[in-house]
């Protein structure tokens, strides 16, 4: 038991020697401490990862748990949004708009997300949340551990500094799959959010600010709308509350972020956002 404790201390000491050290090559950040798990993102050579100190003792050997502040492009099923377009706690947040895509994280009540588009049964979001990922340390850990033997910890001596690896730290990463950054999907139907209710809370929405007016076509109930990455309208914009100091047309066909309460039109499926603020993205 004493030997196991000393080995654990040696492992912690060797891992600590790597904290703050810049990466020597582009490295994948995985969802789990498993090389076969999906990559959330890739960190460039020279990046200094932010270790998750609270997980250092429980992370498997050869791996480093790191914090990623976000934001992240991700997807949730339409049914996992409330009538006020908030994430339902416990909902799975995926890396791509398909059922078998890897799960980035699970939604909590405190999560902040901005809707950025729709793809069929899926809603694309920008998630503002700290995520824990895992980096494979490869041969660096073995080299560092050589300077932190159980005997050195037992005697109280400081572990030797880690020697820079002579070989690659981990296999060269492959190009990531979709992960929310590929080309836009097919046009999607508007999701039915119910009647919205008077308790609908304001929130952020992002997309392209487009005009609904077309020559020789009936006028839409609102002159402006938000379109997703595929060019499909997913919400009308009620801009009557805005006190504009310049012509609103200057925002046309530009990426914007609006803040306001969303509801559905009585007897219809169209989402309407009553805009309180509007700014360029």
C-alpha atoms as a PDB file:
ATOM      1  CA  UNK A   1       0.000   0.000   0.000  1.00  0.00           C
ATOM      2  CA  UNK A   2       2.878   2.304   0.863  1.00  0.00           C
ATOM      3  CA  UNK A   3       4.508   1.553  -2.497  1.00  0.00           C
ATOM      4  CA  UNK A   4       1.278   2.392  -4.352  1.00  0.00           C
ATOM      5  CA  UNK A   5       1.048   5.693  -2.477  1.00  0.00           C
ATOM      6  CA  UNK A   6       4.612   6.580  -3.395  1.00  0.00           C
ATOM      7  CA  UNK A   7       3.927   5.738  -7.043  1.00  0.00           C
ATOM      8  CA  UNK A   8       0.836   7.945  -6.989  1.00  0.00           C
ATOM      9  CA  UNK A   9       2.852  10.813  -5.536  1.00  0.00           C
ATOM     10  CA  UNK A  10       5.495  10.306  -8.209  1.00  0.00           C
ATOM     11  CA  UNK A  11       2.836  10.440 -10.922  1.00  0.00           C
ATOM     12  CA  UNK A  12       1.380  13.655  -9.516  1.00  0.00           C
ATOM     13  CA  UNK A  13       4.833  15.200  -9.294  1.00  0.00           C
ATOM     14  CA  UNK A  14       5.698  14.245 -12.863  1.00  0.00           C
ATOM     15  CA  UNK A  15       2.388  15.578 -14.179  1.00  0.00           C
ATOM     16  CA  UNK A  16       2.891  18.810 -12.246  1.00  0.00           C
ATOM     17  CA  UNK A  17       6.226  19.228 -14.011  1.00  0.00           C
ATOM     18  CA  UNK A  18       4.305  19.466 -17.289  1.00  0.00           C
ATOM     19  CA  UNK A  19       1.849  22.110 -16.116  1.00  0.00           C
ATOM     20  CA  UNK A  20       2.429  25.369 -17.940  1.00  0.00           C
ATOM     21  CA  UNK A  21       4.712  23.748 -20.527  1.00  0.00           C
ATOM     22  CA  UNK A  22       3.773  24.733 -24.104  1.00  0.00           C
ATOM     23  CA  UNK A  23       2.728  22.016 -26.526  1.00  0.00           C
ATOM     24  CA  UNK A  24       5.405  20.923 -28.980  1.00  0.00           C
ATOM     25  CA  UNK A  25       2.923  20.137 -31.765  1.00  0.00           C
ATOM     26  CA  UNK A  26      -0.743  20.483 -32.692  1.00  0.00           C
ATOM     27  CA  UNK A  27      -2.613  18.275 -30.229  1.00  0.00           C
ATOM     28  CA  UNK A  28      -6.160  16.948 -30.106  1.00  0.00           C
ATOM     29  CA  UNK A  29      -8.329  17.641 -27.066  1.00  0.00           C
ATOM     30  CA  UNK A  30     -10.563  14.607 -26.507  1.00  0.00           C
ATOM     31  CA  UNK A  31     -13.916  14.297 -24.758  1.00  0.00           C
ATOM     32  CA  UNK A  32     -12.491  11.508 -22.595  1.00  0.00           C
ATOM     33  CA  UNK A  33      -9.066  10.247 -21.573  1.00  0.00           C
ATOM     34  CA  UNK A  34      -9.207   7.806 -24.468  1.00  0.00           C
ATOM     35  CA  UNK A  35      -7.439   8.210 -27.808  1.00  0.00           C
ATOM     36  CA  UNK A  36     -10.455   6.707 -29.601  1.00  0.00           C
ATOM     37  CA  UNK A  37     -12.870   9.325 -28.196  1.00  0.00           C
ATOM     38  CA  UNK A  38     -13.873  12.296 -30.412  1.00  0.00           C
ATOM     39  CA  UNK A  39     -11.761  15.445 -30.546  1.00  0.00           C
ATOM     40  CA  UNK A  40     -13.515  18.601 -29.344  1.00  0.00           C
ATOM     41  CA  UNK A  41     -10.841  20.874 -30.763  1.00  0.00           C
ATOM     42  CA  UNK A  42      -7.125  21.028 -31.602  1.00  0.00           C
ATOM     43  CA  UNK A  43      -4.544  23.137 -29.772  1.00  0.00           C
ATOM     44  CA  UNK A  44      -1.714  24.566 -31.845  1.00  0.00           C
ATOM     45  CA  UNK A  45       1.965  24.041 -31.072  1.00  0.00           C
ATOM     46  CA  UNK A  46       3.144  26.617 -28.545  1.00  0.00           C
ATOM     47  CA  UNK A  47      -0.191  26.734 -26.736  1.00  0.00           C
ATOM     48  CA  UNK A  48      -0.029  26.412 -22.958  1.00  0.00           C
ATOM     49  CA  UNK A  49      -3.053  24.314 -21.882  1.00  0.00           C
ATOM     50  CA  UNK A  50      -4.962  25.315 -18.758  1.00  0.00           C
ATOM     51  CA  UNK A  51      -4.871  22.216 -16.493  1.00  0.00           C
ATOM     52  CA  UNK A  52      -7.974  21.238 -14.524  1.00  0.00           C
ATOM     53  CA  UNK A  53      -6.258  21.063 -11.145  1.00  0.00           C
ATOM     54  CA  UNK A  54      -9.196  19.400  -9.394  1.00  0.00           C
ATOM     55  CA  UNK A  55      -8.942  16.394 -11.760  1.00  0.00           C
ATOM     56  CA  UNK A  56      -5.172  15.966 -11.707  1.00  0.00           C
ATOM     57  CA  UNK A  57      -5.277  13.153  -9.153  1.00  0.00           C
ATOM     58  CA  UNK A  58      -8.025  11.184 -10.917  1.00  0.00           C
ATOM     59  CA  UNK A  59      -6.872  11.522 -14.536  1.00  0.00           C
ATOM     60  CA  UNK A  60      -5.373   8.314 -16.003  1.00  0.00           C
ATOM     61  CA  UNK A  61      -1.629   8.129 -16.484  1.00  0.00           C
ATOM     62  CA  UNK A  62      -0.428   9.659 -19.737  1.00  0.00           C
ATOM     63  CA  UNK A  63      -3.280  12.176 -19.897  1.00  0.00           C
ATOM     64  CA  UNK A  64      -3.830  15.739 -18.756  1.00  0.00           C
ATOM     65  CA  UNK A  65      -7.282  17.168 -17.993  1.00  0.00           C
ATOM     66  CA  UNK A  66      -7.546  20.726 -19.339  1.00  0.00           C
ATOM     67  CA  UNK A  67     -10.114  23.522 -19.155  1.00  0.00           C
ATOM     68  CA  UNK A  68     -11.565  24.960 -22.367  1.00  0.00           C
ATOM     69  CA  UNK A  69     -13.487  28.216 -21.797  1.00  0.00           C
ATOM     70  CA  UNK A  70     -15.437  28.198 -25.082  1.00  0.00           C
ATOM     71  CA  UNK A  71     -17.563  29.326 -26.768  1.00  0.00           C
ATOM     72  CA  UNK A  72     -18.377  26.137 -28.669  1.00  0.00           C
ATOM     73  CA  UNK A  73     -20.475  25.530 -31.775  1.00  0.00           C
ATOM     74  CA  UNK A  74     -22.786  22.630 -30.924  1.00  0.00           C
ATOM     75  CA  UNK A  75     -26.225  21.156 -31.578  1.00  0.00           C
ATOM     76  CA  UNK A  76     -29.281  20.118 -29.574  1.00  0.00           C
ATOM     77  CA  UNK A  77     -32.514  18.467 -30.621  1.00  0.00           C
ATOM     78  CA  UNK A  78     -35.374  20.928 -31.069  1.00  0.00           C
ATOM     79  CA  UNK A  79     -37.356  19.079 -28.410  1.00  0.00           C
ATOM     80  CA  UNK A  80     -34.606  19.869 -25.895  1.00  0.00           C
ATOM     81  CA  UNK A  81     -35.449  23.577 -26.001  1.00  0.00           C
ATOM     82  CA  UNK A  82     -38.097  25.095 -23.762  1.00  0.00           C
ATOM     83  CA  UNK A  83     -40.819  27.408 -25.077  1.00  0.00           C
ATOM     84  CA  UNK A  84     -38.584  30.338 -24.158  1.00  0.00           C
ATOM     85  CA  UNK A  85     -35.745  28.762 -26.199  1.00  0.00           C
ATOM     86  CA  UNK A  86     -33.603  27.825 -23.211  1.00  0.00           C
ATOM     87  CA  UNK A  87     -31.773  24.502 -22.951  1.00  0.00           C
ATOM     88  CA  UNK A  88     -33.569  21.876 -20.921  1.00  0.00           C
ATOM     89  CA  UNK A  89     -31.344  20.690 -18.035  1.00  0.00           C
ATOM     90  CA  UNK A  90     -30.041  17.207 -18.742  1.00  0.00           C
ATOM     91  CA  UNK A  91     -30.227  17.576 -22.526  1.00  0.00           C
ATOM     92  CA  UNK A  92     -27.323  16.155 -24.526  1.00  0.00           C
ATOM     93  CA  UNK A  93     -25.313  18.768 -26.442  1.00  0.00           C
ATOM     94  CA  UNK A  94     -23.746  17.208 -29.542  1.00  0.00           C
ATOM     95  CA  UNK A  95     -20.765  18.072 -31.719  1.00  0.00           C
ATOM     96  CA  UNK A  96     -22.740  17.553 -34.928  1.00  0.00           C
ATOM     97  CA  UNK A  97     -26.446  17.528 -35.935  1.00  0.00           C
ATOM     98  CA  UNK A  98     -26.970  13.771 -35.891  1.00  0.00           C
ATOM     99  CA  UNK A  99     -28.057  11.269 -33.271  1.00  0.00           C
ATOM    100  CA  UNK A 100     -24.805   9.289 -33.278  1.00  0.00           C
ATOM    101  CA  UNK A 101     -22.579  12.368 -33.001  1.00  0.00           C
ATOM    102  CA  UNK A 102     -20.354  12.650 -29.946  1.00  0.00           C
ATOM    103  CA  UNK A 103     -21.783  14.409 -26.901  1.00  0.00           C
ATOM    104  CA  UNK A 104     -19.841  17.524 -25.948  1.00  0.00           C
ATOM    105  CA  UNK A 105     -21.531  17.992 -22.576  1.00  0.00           C
ATOM    106  CA  UNK A 106     -24.871  17.828 -20.782  1.00  0.00           C
ATOM    107  CA  UNK A 107     -26.946  20.974 -20.362  1.00  0.00           C
ATOM    108  CA  UNK A 108     -27.432  22.520 -16.934  1.00  0.00           C
ATOM    109  CA  UNK A 109     -29.760  25.248 -15.700  1.00  0.00           C
ATOM    110  CA  UNK A 110     -26.901  27.765 -15.636  1.00  0.00           C
ATOM    111  CA  UNK A 111     -25.762  27.230 -19.243  1.00  0.00           C
ATOM    112  CA  UNK A 112     -25.856  30.202 -21.606  1.00  0.00           C
ATOM    113  CA  UNK A 113     -26.469  29.480 -25.278  1.00  0.00           C
ATOM    114  CA  UNK A 114     -27.205  31.587 -28.352  1.00  0.00           C
ATOM    115  CA  UNK A 115     -29.217  30.072 -31.199  1.00  0.00           C
ATOM    116  CA  UNK A 116     -27.305  30.444 -34.472  1.00  0.00           C
ATOM    117  CA  UNK A 117     -29.329  28.287 -36.867  1.00  0.00           C
ATOM    118  CA  UNK A 118     -31.601  25.332 -37.526  1.00  0.00           C
ATOM    119  CA  UNK A 119     -30.969  22.041 -39.316  1.00  0.00           C
ATOM    120  CA  UNK A 120     -34.057  19.868 -39.482  1.00  0.00           C
ATOM    121  CA  UNK A 121     -34.681  18.360 -36.050  1.00  0.00           C
ATOM    122  CA  UNK A 122     -31.582  20.109 -34.710  1.00  0.00           C
ATOM    123  CA  UNK A 123     -30.863  23.604 -33.409  1.00  0.00           C
ATOM    124  CA  UNK A 124     -27.352  24.997 -33.774  1.00  0.00           C
ATOM    125  CA  UNK A 125     -26.105  26.947 -30.750  1.00  0.00           C
ATOM    126  CA  UNK A 126     -23.098  28.860 -29.513  1.00  0.00           C
ATOM    127  CA  UNK A 127     -22.486  27.498 -26.027  1.00  0.00           C
ATOM    128  CA  UNK A 128     -20.842  29.723 -23.409  1.00  0.00           C
ATOM    129  CA  UNK A 129     -19.548  27.142 -20.969  1.00  0.00           C
ATOM    130  CA  UNK A 130     -16.284  25.811 -19.570  1.00  0.00           C
ATOM    131  CA  UNK A 131     -15.676  22.263 -20.821  1.00  0.00           C
ATOM    132  CA  UNK A 132     -13.151  19.744 -19.513  1.00  0.00           C
ATOM    133  CA  UNK A 133     -11.140  17.949 -22.197  1.00  0.00           C
ATOM    134  CA  UNK A 134      -8.205  15.542 -22.172  1.00  0.00           C
ATOM    135  CA  UNK A 135      -4.791  15.767 -23.850  1.00  0.00           C
ATOM    136  CA  UNK A 136      -2.607  12.706 -24.439  1.00  0.00           C
ATOM    137  CA  UNK A 137       0.884  13.470 -23.131  1.00  0.00           C
ATOM    138  CA  UNK A 138       2.652  10.629 -24.937  1.00  0.00           C
ATOM    139  CA  UNK A 139       6.297  10.191 -24.070  1.00  0.00           C
ATOM    140  CA  UNK A 140       6.510  13.449 -22.118  1.00  0.00           C
ATOM    141  CA  UNK A 141       5.031  11.858 -19.005  1.00  0.00           C
ATOM    142  CA  UNK A 142       7.470   8.937 -19.106  1.00  0.00           C
ATOM    143  CA  UNK A 143      10.409  11.311 -19.405  1.00  0.00           C
ATOM    144  CA  UNK A 144       9.157  13.529 -16.595  1.00  0.00           C
ATOM    145  CA  UNK A 145       8.427  10.577 -14.353  1.00  0.00           C
ATOM    146  CA  UNK A 146      12.052   9.466 -14.617  1.00  0.00           C
ATOM    147  CA  UNK A 147      13.027  12.500 -12.554  1.00  0.00           C
ATOM    148  CA  UNK A 148      10.399  11.869  -9.859  1.00  0.00           C
ATOM    149  CA  UNK A 149      10.966   8.378  -8.509  1.00  0.00           C
ATOM    150  CA  UNK A 150       9.290   7.161  -5.303  1.00  0.00           C
ATOM    151  CA  UNK A 151      12.658   7.205  -3.537  1.00  0.00           C
ATOM    152  CA  UNK A 152      13.169  10.901  -4.298  1.00  0.00           C
ATOM    153  CA  UNK A 153       9.710  11.746  -2.933  1.00  0.00           C
ATOM    154  CA  UNK A 154      10.291   9.577   0.147  1.00  0.00           C
ATOM    155  CA  UNK A 155      13.527  11.423   0.927  1.00  0.00           C
ATOM    156  CA  UNK A 156      11.892  14.795   0.374  1.00  0.00           C
ATOM    157  CA  UNK A 157      14.165  15.674  -2.538  1.00  0.00           C
ATOM    158  CA  UNK A 158      12.731  17.794  -5.315  1.00  0.00           C
ATOM    159  CA  UNK A 159      12.036  15.878  -8.544  1.00  0.00           C
ATOM    160  CA  UNK A 160      14.384  16.479 -11.418  1.00  0.00           C
ATOM    161  CA  UNK A 161      13.179  18.726 -14.215  1.00  0.00           C
ATOM    162  CA  UNK A 162      11.605  16.977 -17.156  1.00  0.00           C
ATOM    163  CA  UNK A 163      13.742  16.518 -20.213  1.00  0.00           C
ATOM    164  CA  UNK A 164      12.280  17.732 -23.475  1.00  0.00           C
ATOM    165  CA  UNK A 165      11.086  14.798 -25.575  1.00  0.00           C
ATOM    166  CA  UNK A 166      13.064  13.880 -28.635  1.00  0.00           C
ATOM    167  CA  UNK A 167      10.144  12.309 -30.468  1.00  0.00           C
ATOM    168  CA  UNK A 168       6.589  13.385 -31.203  1.00  0.00           C
ATOM    169  CA  UNK A 169       4.345  13.848 -28.162  1.00  0.00           C
ATOM    170  CA  UNK A 170       1.336  12.226 -29.825  1.00  0.00           C
ATOM    171  CA  UNK A 171       0.314  11.014 -33.266  1.00  0.00           C
ATOM    172  CA  UNK A 172      -0.317  13.723 -35.800  1.00  0.00           C
ATOM    173  CA  UNK A 173      -4.003  14.666 -35.652  1.00  0.00           C
ATOM    174  CA  UNK A 174      -6.321  14.051 -38.536  1.00  0.00           C
ATOM    175  CA  UNK A 175      -8.611  16.710 -39.873  1.00  0.00           C
ATOM    176  CA  UNK A 176     -11.719  16.994 -37.668  1.00  0.00           C
ATOM    177  CA  UNK A 177     -15.120  15.964 -38.927  1.00  0.00           C
ATOM    178  CA  UNK A 178     -18.076  18.324 -39.084  1.00  0.00           C
ATOM    179  CA  UNK A 179     -18.093  19.450 -35.436  1.00  0.00           C
ATOM    180  CA  UNK A 180     -20.316  22.409 -36.292  1.00  0.00           C
ATOM    181  CA  UNK A 181     -17.875  24.117 -38.647  1.00  0.00           C
ATOM    182  CA  UNK A 182     -18.606  22.394 -41.956  1.00  0.00           C
ATOM    183  CA  UNK A 183     -20.740  23.790 -44.725  1.00  0.00           C
ATOM    184  CA  UNK A 184     -24.317  24.620 -43.873  1.00  0.00           C
ATOM    185  CA  UNK A 185     -26.950  21.908 -43.950  1.00  0.00           C
ATOM    186  CA  UNK A 186     -30.161  21.750 -45.892  1.00  0.00           C
ATOM    187  CA  UNK A 187     -32.907  24.310 -45.261  1.00  0.00           C
ATOM    188  CA  UNK A 188     -34.838  23.429 -42.139  1.00  0.00           C
ATOM    189  CA  UNK A 189     -38.437  23.857 -41.030  1.00  0.00           C
ATOM    190  CA  UNK A 190     -39.289  26.283 -38.263  1.00  0.00           C
ATOM    191  CA  UNK A 191     -39.647  24.570 -34.905  1.00  0.00           C
ATOM    192  CA  UNK A 192     -42.945  24.778 -33.039  1.00  0.00           C
ATOM    193  CA  UNK A 193     -42.360  26.350 -29.644  1.00  0.00           C
ATOM    194  CA  UNK A 194     -45.954  26.539 -28.497  1.00  0.00           C
ATOM    195  CA  UNK A 195     -47.637  29.821 -27.719  1.00  0.00           C
ATOM    196  CA  UNK A 196     -44.572  31.325 -26.028  1.00  0.00           C
ATOM    197  CA  UNK A 197     -46.630  32.657 -23.125  1.00  0.00           C
ATOM    198  CA  UNK A 198     -46.306  35.907 -21.272  1.00  0.00           C
ATOM    199  CA  UNK A 199     -43.458  34.545 -19.153  1.00  0.00           C
ATOM    200  CA  UNK A 200     -41.069  34.219 -22.087  1.00  0.00           C
ATOM    201  CA  UNK A 201     -37.719  35.669 -21.037  1.00  0.00           C
ATOM    202  CA  UNK A 202     -35.469  37.750 -23.316  1.00  0.00           C
ATOM    203  CA  UNK A 203     -32.359  36.050 -24.667  1.00  0.00           C
ATOM    204  CA  UNK A 204     -29.802  36.310 -27.464  1.00  0.00           C
ATOM    205  CA  UNK A 205     -30.261  35.188 -31.065  1.00  0.00           C
ATOM    206  CA  UNK A 206     -27.663  35.271 -33.828  1.00  0.00           C
ATOM    207  CA  UNK A 207     -27.890  35.067 -37.600  1.00  0.00           C
ATOM    208  CA  UNK A 208     -28.016  37.097 -40.809  1.00  0.00           C
ATOM    209  CA  UNK A 209     -30.264  40.165 -40.778  1.00  0.00           C
ATOM    210  CA  UNK A 210     -32.421  39.867 -43.901  1.00  0.00           C
ATOM    211  CA  UNK A 211     -35.354  41.730 -45.405  1.00  0.00           C
ATOM    212  CA  UNK A 212     -38.609  39.849 -45.985  1.00  0.00           C
ATOM    213  CA  UNK A 213     -39.834  42.299 -48.647  1.00  0.00           C
ATOM    214  CA  UNK A 214     -39.902  40.957 -52.185  1.00  0.00           C
ATOM    215  CA  UNK A 215     -41.057  42.649 -55.408  1.00  0.00           C
ATOM    216  CA  UNK A 216     -44.494  41.523 -56.600  1.00  0.00           C
ATOM    217  CA  UNK A 217     -44.997  39.393 -53.457  1.00  0.00           C
ATOM    218  CA  UNK A 218     -47.429  39.884 -50.558  1.00  0.00           C
ATOM    219  CA  UNK A 219     -45.894  41.746 -47.664  1.00  0.00           C
ATOM    220  CA  UNK A 220     -44.841  39.619 -44.700  1.00  0.00           C
ATOM    221  CA  UNK A 221     -46.122  40.419 -41.189  1.00  0.00           C
ATOM    222  CA  UNK A 222     -42.634  41.726 -40.324  1.00  0.00           C
ATOM    223  CA  UNK A 223     -40.129  43.446 -42.588  1.00  0.00           C
ATOM    224  CA  UNK A 224     -37.037  41.843 -41.087  1.00  0.00           C
ATOM    225  CA  UNK A 225     -35.966  38.339 -40.124  1.00  0.00           C
ATOM    226  CA  UNK A 226     -33.025  36.222 -38.960  1.00  0.00           C
ATOM    227  CA  UNK A 227     -31.632  33.605 -41.347  1.00  0.00           C
ATOM    228  CA  UNK A 228     -29.410  30.652 -40.451  1.00  0.00           C
ATOM    229  CA  UNK A 229     -26.182  29.582 -42.168  1.00  0.00           C
ATOM    230  CA  UNK A 230     -28.157  27.850 -44.929  1.00  0.00           C
ATOM    231  CA  UNK A 231     -30.027  31.072 -45.729  1.00  0.00           C
ATOM    232  CA  UNK A 232     -33.297  29.789 -44.258  1.00  0.00           C
ATOM    233  CA  UNK A 233     -35.402  32.191 -42.215  1.00  0.00           C
ATOM    234  CA  UNK A 234     -35.865  30.884 -38.687  1.00  0.00           C
ATOM    235  CA  UNK A 235     -37.380  33.906 -36.926  1.00  0.00           C
ATOM    236  CA  UNK A 236     -39.136  37.161 -37.749  1.00  0.00           C
ATOM    237  CA  UNK A 237     -37.879  40.298 -36.005  1.00  0.00           C
ATOM    238  CA  UNK A 238     -40.197  42.857 -34.451  1.00  0.00           C
ATOM    239  CA  UNK A 239     -37.999  45.976 -34.355  1.00  0.00           C
ATOM    240  CA  UNK A 240     -40.715  48.397 -33.253  1.00  0.00           C
ATOM    241  CA  UNK A 241     -39.128  48.851 -29.807  1.00  0.00           C
ATOM    242  CA  UNK A 242     -35.767  49.960 -31.173  1.00  0.00           C
ATOM    243  CA  UNK A 243     -34.789  53.602 -30.990  1.00  0.00           C
ATOM    244  CA  UNK A 244     -32.512  53.607 -33.997  1.00  0.00           C
ATOM    245  CA  UNK A 245     -30.061  56.443 -34.471  1.00  0.00           C
ATOM    246  CA  UNK A 246     -29.303  55.355 -38.009  1.00  0.00           C
ATOM    247  CA  UNK A 247     -31.172  53.656 -40.818  1.00  0.00           C
ATOM    248  CA  UNK A 248     -31.823  50.027 -39.986  1.00  0.00           C
ATOM    249  CA  UNK A 249     -31.113  49.098 -43.605  1.00  0.00           C
ATOM    250  CA  UNK A 250     -27.395  49.459 -42.868  1.00  0.00           C
ATOM    251  CA  UNK A 251     -27.567  46.104 -41.052  1.00  0.00           C
ATOM    252  CA  UNK A 252     -29.141  44.265 -43.983  1.00  0.00           C
ATOM    253  CA  UNK A 253     -27.398  41.014 -44.996  1.00  0.00           C
ATOM    254  CA  UNK A 254     -24.913  41.278 -42.146  1.00  0.00           C
ATOM    255  CA  UNK A 255     -24.299  38.903 -39.250  1.00  0.00           C
ATOM    256  CA  UNK A 256     -25.928  40.281 -36.113  1.00  0.00           C
ATOM    257  CA  UNK A 257     -26.845  39.413 -32.532  1.00  0.00           C
ATOM    258  CA  UNK A 258     -30.203  40.530 -31.163  1.00  0.00           C
ATOM    259  CA  UNK A 259     -31.582  40.420 -27.635  1.00  0.00           C
ATOM    260  CA  UNK A 260     -35.283  40.000 -27.021  1.00  0.00           C
ATOM    261  CA  UNK A 261     -38.188  37.736 -26.078  1.00  0.00           C
ATOM    262  CA  UNK A 262     -39.378  35.111 -28.557  1.00  0.00           C
ATOM    263  CA  UNK A 263     -42.882  33.810 -29.118  1.00  0.00           C
ATOM    264  CA  UNK A 264     -44.890  32.077 -31.811  1.00  0.00           C
ATOM    265  CA  UNK A 265     -47.659  33.772 -33.737  1.00  0.00           C
ATOM    266  CA  UNK A 266     -51.197  32.752 -32.668  1.00  0.00           C
ATOM    267  CA  UNK A 267     -52.362  29.852 -34.797  1.00  0.00           C
ATOM    268  CA  UNK A 268     -49.009  29.576 -36.585  1.00  0.00           C
ATOM    269  CA  UNK A 269     -45.519  28.148 -36.304  1.00  0.00           C
ATOM    270  CA  UNK A 270     -43.467  31.266 -37.054  1.00  0.00           C
ATOM    271  CA  UNK A 271     -41.134  32.491 -34.326  1.00  0.00           C
ATOM    272  CA  UNK A 272     -41.144  36.232 -33.655  1.00  0.00           C
ATOM    273  CA  UNK A 273     -38.430  37.924 -31.601  1.00  0.00           C
ATOM    274  CA  UNK A 274     -39.373  41.295 -30.134  1.00  0.00           C
ATOM    275  CA  UNK A 275     -35.978  42.968 -30.392  1.00  0.00           C
ATOM    276  CA  UNK A 276     -34.682  45.084 -27.523  1.00  0.00           C
ATOM    277  CA  UNK A 277     -31.099  45.499 -28.734  1.00  0.00           C
ATOM    278  CA  UNK A 278     -29.362  44.830 -32.049  1.00  0.00           C
ATOM    279  CA  UNK A 279     -25.658  44.838 -32.806  1.00  0.00           C
ATOM    280  CA  UNK A 280     -23.204  43.473 -35.344  1.00  0.00           C
ATOM    281  CA  UNK A 281     -21.744  40.082 -34.504  1.00  0.00           C
END
